[in-house]
Amino acid sequence: MRVVPIRPVAGMVESSGVPVEEWNRVSEDMTDTEELELAPARGRSRTARRWRGLTGSLAAGLVALAVLVLGAGLLCAFLDVPGPGAAPMIAHPAAAVLALLAQRVADRKDGVLAGAAGLAVLMILAGALWTFWWA
């Protein structure tokens, strides 16, 4: 299928009431521009970006683990077989939410506060894994 563009006809008026001949006309006030200064770049160090990436990945992994535990618990309840129990089914999503909140602080703040929030993600993850998987 071939598409043919429609060419404007002289004397044709756009819905705004401007004649076709003036559609591409540049007026003097349109060329008068002012250059604005760029905002200073607020870059983060490579170490800070890697720290945020690591803690973000761990927080996302904890969310995936919480979804799996909830899915396993619901499947076991549906099949009427023993499952993970109520404590892991409540604690895993709670830990995931806390880790995501801490990661949000780590992503939006700078300096010591961001590092402490990333450390909080690690502590929440370690607590959940130790309590429900390793101990």
N, C-alpha and C. Protein backbone atom coordinates (compact mmCIF):
# COMPACT_ATOMS: atom_id res chain seq x y z
N MET A 1 0.84 -1.16 0.00
CA MET A 1 0.00 0.00 0.00
C MET A 1 0.89 1.24 0.00
N ARG A 2 0.63 2.16 -0.88
CA ARG A 2 1.44 3.36 -1.03
C ARG A 2 0.72 4.53 -0.36
N VAL A 3 1.48 5.26 0.47
CA VAL A 3 0.92 6.41 1.16
C VAL A 3 1.33 7.67 0.40
N VAL A 4 0.36 8.49 0.06
CA VAL A 4 0.63 9.72 -0.67
C VAL A 4 0.32 10.88 0.25
N PRO A 5 1.33 11.74 0.49
CA PRO A 5 1.07 12.87 1.37
C PRO A 5 0.13 13.88 0.71
N ILE A 6 -0.66 14.54 1.50
CA ILE A 6 -1.57 15.56 1.00
C ILE A 6 -0.85 16.90 1.05
N ARG A 7 -0.82 17.57 -0.07
CA ARG A 7 -0.16 18.87 -0.13
C ARG A 7 -1.19 19.97 0.10
N PRO A 8 -0.80 20.97 0.88
CA PRO A 8 -1.73 22.07 1.09
C PRO A 8 -1.93 22.88 -0.19
N VAL A 9 -3.11 23.35 -0.40
CA VAL A 9 -3.46 24.14 -1.57
C VAL A 9 -3.40 25.61 -1.19
N ALA A 10 -2.88 26.45 -2.11
CA ALA A 10 -2.81 27.89 -1.84
C ALA A 10 -4.18 28.42 -1.48
N GLY A 11 -4.24 29.23 -0.47
CA GLY A 11 -5.50 29.79 -0.03
C GLY A 11 -6.18 28.95 1.03
N MET A 12 -5.65 27.74 1.25
CA MET A 12 -6.22 26.86 2.27
C MET A 12 -5.92 27.44 3.65
N VAL A 13 -6.83 27.33 4.56
CA VAL A 13 -6.66 27.90 5.90
C VAL A 13 -6.75 26.78 6.92
N GLU A 14 -5.75 26.74 7.83
CA GLU A 14 -5.75 25.76 8.90
C GLU A 14 -6.86 26.11 9.88
N SER A 15 -7.19 25.17 10.76
CA SER A 15 -8.28 25.41 11.71
C SER A 15 -8.01 26.61 12.59
N SER A 16 -6.74 27.01 12.73
CA SER A 16 -6.43 28.18 13.55
C SER A 16 -6.71 29.48 12.82
N GLY A 17 -6.97 29.41 11.50
CA GLY A 17 -7.26 30.61 10.73
C GLY A 17 -6.05 31.20 10.05
N VAL A 18 -4.89 30.52 10.14
CA VAL A 18 -3.66 31.03 9.51
C VAL A 18 -3.57 30.46 8.10
N PRO A 19 -3.36 31.32 7.08
CA PRO A 19 -3.24 30.82 5.71
C PRO A 19 -2.02 29.91 5.55
N VAL A 20 -2.09 28.97 4.60
CA VAL A 20 -1.04 27.98 4.36
C VAL A 20 0.29 28.64 4.06
N GLU A 21 0.29 29.73 3.33
CA GLU A 21 1.54 30.40 2.95
C GLU A 21 2.33 30.86 4.18
N GLU A 22 1.67 31.05 5.29
CA GLU A 22 2.34 31.56 6.49
C GLU A 22 2.64 30.47 7.51
N TRP A 23 2.39 29.23 7.17
CA TRP A 23 2.64 28.14 8.12
C TRP A 23 4.12 28.04 8.48
N ASN A 24 4.99 28.19 7.52
CA ASN A 24 6.43 28.01 7.75
C ASN A 24 7.17 29.33 7.88
N ARG A 25 6.48 30.43 7.91
CA ARG A 25 7.15 31.72 8.01
C ARG A 25 7.68 31.92 9.43
N VAL A 26 8.89 32.44 9.51
CA VAL A 26 9.52 32.69 10.81
C VAL A 26 9.48 34.19 11.06
N SER A 27 8.95 34.54 12.18
CA SER A 27 8.89 35.97 12.51
C SER A 27 10.13 36.37 13.29
N GLU A 28 10.35 37.67 13.42
CA GLU A 28 11.52 38.19 14.10
C GLU A 28 11.57 37.76 15.57
N ASP A 29 10.44 37.74 16.24
CA ASP A 29 10.44 37.39 17.66
C ASP A 29 10.70 35.91 17.89
N MET A 30 10.57 35.08 16.85
CA MET A 30 10.85 33.65 17.02
C MET A 30 12.35 33.36 17.00
N THR A 31 13.13 34.21 16.40
CA THR A 31 14.58 33.97 16.30
C THR A 31 15.34 34.59 17.44
N ASP A 32 14.68 35.36 18.26
CA ASP A 32 15.32 36.03 19.37
C ASP A 32 15.29 35.10 20.59
N THR A 33 16.39 34.35 20.81
CA THR A 33 16.42 33.39 21.91
C THR A 33 17.47 33.78 22.94
N GLU A 34 17.34 33.23 24.09
CA GLU A 34 18.28 33.49 25.18
C GLU A 34 18.85 32.15 25.64
N GLU A 35 20.17 32.07 25.73
CA GLU A 35 20.78 30.83 26.19
C GLU A 35 20.76 30.77 27.70
N LEU A 36 20.37 29.63 28.22
CA LEU A 36 20.32 29.43 29.66
C LEU A 36 21.53 28.64 30.10
N GLU A 37 21.97 28.90 31.31
CA GLU A 37 23.09 28.13 31.85
C GLU A 37 22.63 26.74 32.23
N LEU A 38 23.51 25.77 32.03
CA LEU A 38 23.19 24.40 32.43
C LEU A 38 23.37 24.25 33.93
N ALA A 39 22.54 23.44 34.50
CA ALA A 39 22.68 23.15 35.92
C ALA A 39 23.95 22.33 36.13
N PRO A 40 24.62 22.53 37.24
CA PRO A 40 25.85 21.76 37.47
C PRO A 40 25.54 20.26 37.56
N ALA A 41 26.41 19.48 36.97
CA ALA A 41 26.22 18.03 36.97
C ALA A 41 26.39 17.50 38.39
N ARG A 42 25.45 16.68 38.81
CA ARG A 42 25.50 16.11 40.15
C ARG A 42 25.78 14.63 40.03
N GLY A 43 26.98 14.33 39.67
CA GLY A 43 27.34 12.94 39.45
C GLY A 43 27.69 12.23 40.75
N ARG A 44 27.49 10.95 40.74
CA ARG A 44 27.85 10.13 41.89
C ARG A 44 29.07 9.31 41.52
N SER A 45 29.85 8.97 42.50
CA SER A 45 31.05 8.20 42.24
C SER A 45 30.69 6.79 41.79
N ARG A 46 31.64 6.15 41.18
CA ARG A 46 31.43 4.78 40.70
C ARG A 46 31.11 3.84 41.87
N THR A 47 31.79 4.05 42.99
CA THR A 47 31.53 3.22 44.17
C THR A 47 30.11 3.39 44.67
N ALA A 48 29.62 4.64 44.70
CA ALA A 48 28.25 4.89 45.16
C ALA A 48 27.24 4.25 44.21
N ARG A 49 27.49 4.34 42.91
CA ARG A 49 26.56 3.72 41.95
C ARG A 49 26.55 2.20 42.10
N ARG A 50 27.72 1.62 42.30
CA ARG A 50 27.78 0.16 42.47
C ARG A 50 27.11 -0.27 43.78
N TRP A 51 27.31 0.50 44.84
CA TRP A 51 26.67 0.19 46.12
C TRP A 51 25.16 0.22 45.99
N ARG A 52 24.64 1.27 45.32
CA ARG A 52 23.19 1.37 45.11
C ARG A 52 22.69 0.24 44.22
N GLY A 53 23.47 -0.12 43.22
CA GLY A 53 23.08 -1.23 42.35
C GLY A 53 23.03 -2.55 43.09
N LEU A 54 24.04 -2.79 43.94
CA LEU A 54 24.08 -4.03 44.71
C LEU A 54 22.90 -4.11 45.68
N THR A 55 22.70 -3.05 46.45
CA THR A 55 21.61 -3.09 47.43
C THR A 55 20.25 -3.11 46.75
N GLY A 56 20.11 -2.45 45.61
CA GLY A 56 18.86 -2.51 44.86
C GLY A 56 18.58 -3.91 44.35
N SER A 57 19.61 -4.59 43.87
CA SER A 57 19.43 -5.96 43.40
C SER A 57 19.05 -6.89 44.55
N LEU A 58 19.67 -6.68 45.69
CA LEU A 58 19.34 -7.53 46.84
C LEU A 58 17.91 -7.26 47.33
N ALA A 59 17.48 -6.01 47.31
CA ALA A 59 16.10 -5.69 47.69
C ALA A 59 15.11 -6.31 46.71
N ALA A 60 15.43 -6.26 45.43
CA ALA A 60 14.56 -6.87 44.42
C ALA A 60 14.54 -8.39 44.58
N GLY A 61 15.67 -8.98 44.93
CA GLY A 61 15.71 -10.42 45.18
C GLY A 61 14.87 -10.81 46.38
N LEU A 62 14.85 -9.95 47.40
CA LEU A 62 14.01 -10.23 48.57
C LEU A 62 12.53 -10.14 48.20
N VAL A 63 12.18 -9.23 47.30
CA VAL A 63 10.80 -9.16 46.82
C VAL A 63 10.43 -10.45 46.08
N ALA A 64 11.34 -10.91 45.23
CA ALA A 64 11.08 -12.16 44.50
C ALA A 64 10.93 -13.34 45.47
N LEU A 65 11.76 -13.38 46.49
CA LEU A 65 11.66 -14.44 47.49
C LEU A 65 10.33 -14.37 48.22
N ALA A 66 9.88 -13.17 48.56
CA ALA A 66 8.59 -13.00 49.24
C ALA A 66 7.45 -13.49 48.35
N VAL A 67 7.52 -13.19 47.06
CA VAL A 67 6.48 -13.65 46.14
C VAL A 67 6.48 -15.18 46.06
N LEU A 68 7.67 -15.78 46.02
CA LEU A 68 7.75 -17.24 45.98
C LEU A 68 7.21 -17.89 47.26
N VAL A 69 7.55 -17.31 48.40
CA VAL A 69 7.05 -17.87 49.66
C VAL A 69 5.53 -17.74 49.74
N LEU A 70 5.01 -16.59 49.33
CA LEU A 70 3.55 -16.43 49.32
C LEU A 70 2.88 -17.41 48.35
N GLY A 71 3.49 -17.57 47.19
CA GLY A 71 2.95 -18.51 46.21
C GLY A 71 2.97 -19.93 46.72
N ALA A 72 4.08 -20.32 47.36
CA ALA A 72 4.17 -21.67 47.91
C ALA A 72 3.15 -21.87 49.03
N GLY A 73 2.98 -20.86 49.87
CA GLY A 73 2.01 -20.97 50.95
C GLY A 73 0.58 -21.09 50.44
N LEU A 74 0.26 -20.29 49.43
CA LEU A 74 -1.10 -20.37 48.86
C LEU A 74 -1.33 -21.70 48.14
N LEU A 75 -0.31 -22.19 47.44
CA LEU A 75 -0.44 -23.47 46.76
C LEU A 75 -0.62 -24.61 47.77
N CYS A 76 0.15 -24.55 48.84
CA CYS A 76 0.01 -25.58 49.87
C CYS A 76 -1.35 -25.50 50.56
N ALA A 77 -1.85 -24.31 50.76
CA ALA A 77 -3.18 -24.16 51.37
C ALA A 77 -4.25 -24.68 50.41
N PHE A 78 -4.08 -24.44 49.12
CA PHE A 78 -5.05 -24.90 48.12
C PHE A 78 -5.05 -26.42 48.02
N LEU A 79 -3.85 -27.03 48.10
CA LEU A 79 -3.74 -28.49 47.99
C LEU A 79 -3.92 -29.20 49.32
N ASP A 80 -4.08 -28.43 50.39
CA ASP A 80 -4.27 -28.97 51.73
C ASP A 80 -3.10 -29.86 52.15
N VAL A 81 -1.89 -29.34 51.95
CA VAL A 81 -0.66 -30.01 52.38
C VAL A 81 0.11 -29.04 53.28
N PRO A 82 1.04 -29.54 54.10
CA PRO A 82 1.82 -28.64 54.96
C PRO A 82 2.64 -27.66 54.12
N GLY A 83 2.69 -26.43 54.58
CA GLY A 83 3.41 -25.39 53.84
C GLY A 83 4.31 -24.59 54.75
N PRO A 84 4.70 -23.42 54.30
CA PRO A 84 5.66 -22.63 55.07
C PRO A 84 5.12 -22.09 56.40
N GLY A 85 3.84 -21.98 56.56
CA GLY A 85 3.29 -21.46 57.81
C GLY A 85 3.01 -19.97 57.73
N ALA A 86 2.39 -19.46 58.79
CA ALA A 86 1.96 -18.06 58.79
C ALA A 86 3.12 -17.10 58.99
N ALA A 87 4.07 -17.45 59.84
CA ALA A 87 5.16 -16.52 60.15
C ALA A 87 5.99 -16.17 58.91
N PRO A 88 6.47 -17.14 58.15
CA PRO A 88 7.22 -16.77 56.94
C PRO A 88 6.36 -16.04 55.90
N MET A 89 5.08 -16.39 55.84
CA MET A 89 4.23 -15.75 54.85
C MET A 89 3.94 -14.29 55.20
N ILE A 90 4.07 -13.93 56.46
CA ILE A 90 3.90 -12.53 56.87
C ILE A 90 5.24 -11.81 56.88
N ALA A 91 6.28 -12.48 57.39
CA ALA A 91 7.57 -11.82 57.58
C ALA A 91 8.30 -11.54 56.27
N HIS A 92 8.21 -12.45 55.29
CA HIS A 92 8.92 -12.21 54.02
C HIS A 92 8.40 -10.97 53.29
N PRO A 93 7.10 -10.81 53.11
CA PRO A 93 6.63 -9.56 52.48
C PRO A 93 6.94 -8.32 53.32
N ALA A 94 6.86 -8.44 54.65
CA ALA A 94 7.19 -7.29 55.50
C ALA A 94 8.66 -6.90 55.34
N ALA A 95 9.54 -7.89 55.31
CA ALA A 95 10.97 -7.61 55.10
C ALA A 95 11.21 -7.01 53.72
N ALA A 96 10.49 -7.49 52.72
CA ALA A 96 10.64 -6.95 51.37
C ALA A 96 10.21 -5.50 51.30
N VAL A 97 9.11 -5.17 51.96
CA VAL A 97 8.64 -3.77 51.97
C VAL A 97 9.64 -2.88 52.70
N LEU A 98 10.15 -3.34 53.83
CA LEU A 98 11.15 -2.55 54.56
C LEU A 98 12.42 -2.36 53.74
N ALA A 99 12.85 -3.41 53.05
CA ALA A 99 14.05 -3.30 52.22
C ALA A 99 13.83 -2.33 51.06
N LEU A 100 12.65 -2.36 50.45
CA LEU A 100 12.36 -1.43 49.36
C LEU A 100 12.30 0.01 49.86
N LEU A 101 11.76 0.23 51.03
CA LEU A 101 11.73 1.58 51.59
C LEU A 101 13.14 2.08 51.89
N ALA A 102 13.98 1.21 52.45
CA ALA A 102 15.36 1.59 52.71
C ALA A 102 16.11 1.85 51.40
N GLN A 103 15.84 1.05 50.38
CA GLN A 103 16.49 1.24 49.09
C GLN A 103 16.04 2.55 48.44
N ARG A 104 14.81 2.91 48.65
CA ARG A 104 14.32 4.19 48.11
C ARG A 104 15.08 5.35 48.73
N VAL A 105 15.33 5.27 50.03
CA VAL A 105 16.13 6.31 50.69
C VAL A 105 17.55 6.29 50.13
N ALA A 106 18.11 5.10 49.94
CA ALA A 106 19.47 5.00 49.41
C ALA A 106 19.57 5.58 48.01
N ASP A 107 18.55 5.42 47.20
CA ASP A 107 18.57 5.94 45.84
C ASP A 107 18.38 7.45 45.79
N ARG A 108 17.63 8.02 46.71
CA ARG A 108 17.27 9.43 46.62
C ARG A 108 18.17 10.36 47.44
N LYS A 109 18.94 9.82 48.35
CA LYS A 109 19.81 10.65 49.19
C LYS A 109 21.27 10.43 48.80
N ASP A 110 22.12 11.28 49.34
CA ASP A 110 23.55 11.19 49.09
C ASP A 110 24.30 11.05 50.40
N GLY A 111 25.54 10.64 50.29
CA GLY A 111 26.43 10.63 51.44
C GLY A 111 26.18 9.51 52.42
N VAL A 112 26.37 9.85 53.68
CA VAL A 112 26.28 8.87 54.76
C VAL A 112 24.88 8.27 54.87
N LEU A 113 23.87 9.09 54.67
CA LEU A 113 22.50 8.61 54.77
C LEU A 113 22.21 7.53 53.72
N ALA A 114 22.71 7.73 52.52
CA ALA A 114 22.52 6.73 51.46
C ALA A 114 23.27 5.44 51.80
N GLY A 115 24.47 5.57 52.31
CA GLY A 115 25.23 4.39 52.71
C GLY A 115 24.57 3.63 53.85
N ALA A 116 24.04 4.37 54.82
CA ALA A 116 23.35 3.74 55.95
C ALA A 116 22.07 3.04 55.50
N ALA A 117 21.36 3.65 54.55
CA ALA A 117 20.15 3.01 54.04
C ALA A 117 20.49 1.72 53.28
N GLY A 118 21.58 1.74 52.53
CA GLY A 118 22.03 0.52 51.86
C GLY A 118 22.43 -0.56 52.85
N LEU A 119 23.08 -0.14 53.93
CA LEU A 119 23.43 -1.09 54.99
C LEU A 119 22.18 -1.65 55.65
N ALA A 120 21.14 -0.83 55.78
CA ALA A 120 19.87 -1.31 56.33
C ALA A 120 19.26 -2.37 55.43
N VAL A 121 19.37 -2.19 54.12
CA VAL A 121 18.89 -3.23 53.19
C VAL A 121 19.62 -4.54 53.44
N LEU A 122 20.93 -4.47 53.58
CA LEU A 122 21.71 -5.69 53.84
C LEU A 122 21.31 -6.34 55.17
N MET A 123 21.08 -5.53 56.19
CA MET A 123 20.71 -6.08 57.50
C MET A 123 19.32 -6.72 57.46
N ILE A 124 18.38 -6.09 56.76
CA ILE A 124 17.04 -6.67 56.64
C ILE A 124 17.10 -7.99 55.89
N LEU A 125 17.86 -8.02 54.81
CA LEU A 125 18.01 -9.25 54.03
C LEU A 125 18.67 -10.34 54.87
N ALA A 126 19.75 -9.99 55.55
CA ALA A 126 20.45 -10.99 56.38
C ALA A 126 19.54 -11.51 57.49
N GLY A 127 18.77 -10.63 58.10
CA GLY A 127 17.85 -11.06 59.16
C GLY A 127 16.79 -12.01 58.64
N ALA A 128 16.23 -11.70 57.49
CA ALA A 128 15.18 -12.58 56.93
C ALA A 128 15.76 -13.93 56.53
N LEU A 129 16.92 -13.91 55.88
CA LEU A 129 17.52 -15.18 55.46
C LEU A 129 17.97 -16.01 56.65
N TRP A 130 18.57 -15.37 57.65
CA TRP A 130 19.03 -16.11 58.82
C TRP A 130 17.84 -16.70 59.59
N THR A 131 16.83 -15.92 59.78
CA THR A 131 15.70 -16.37 60.60
C THR A 131 14.92 -17.50 59.93
N PHE A 132 14.66 -17.38 58.64
CA PHE A 132 13.76 -18.33 57.98
C PHE A 132 14.44 -19.37 57.10
N TRP A 133 15.72 -19.22 56.80
CA TRP A 133 16.35 -20.17 55.90
C TRP A 133 17.58 -20.84 56.48
N TRP A 134 18.40 -20.11 57.23
CA TRP A 134 19.67 -20.69 57.66
C TRP A 134 19.65 -21.20 59.09
N ALA A 135 18.84 -20.64 59.96
CA ALA A 135 18.89 -21.04 61.38
C ALA A 135 18.00 -22.25 61.63
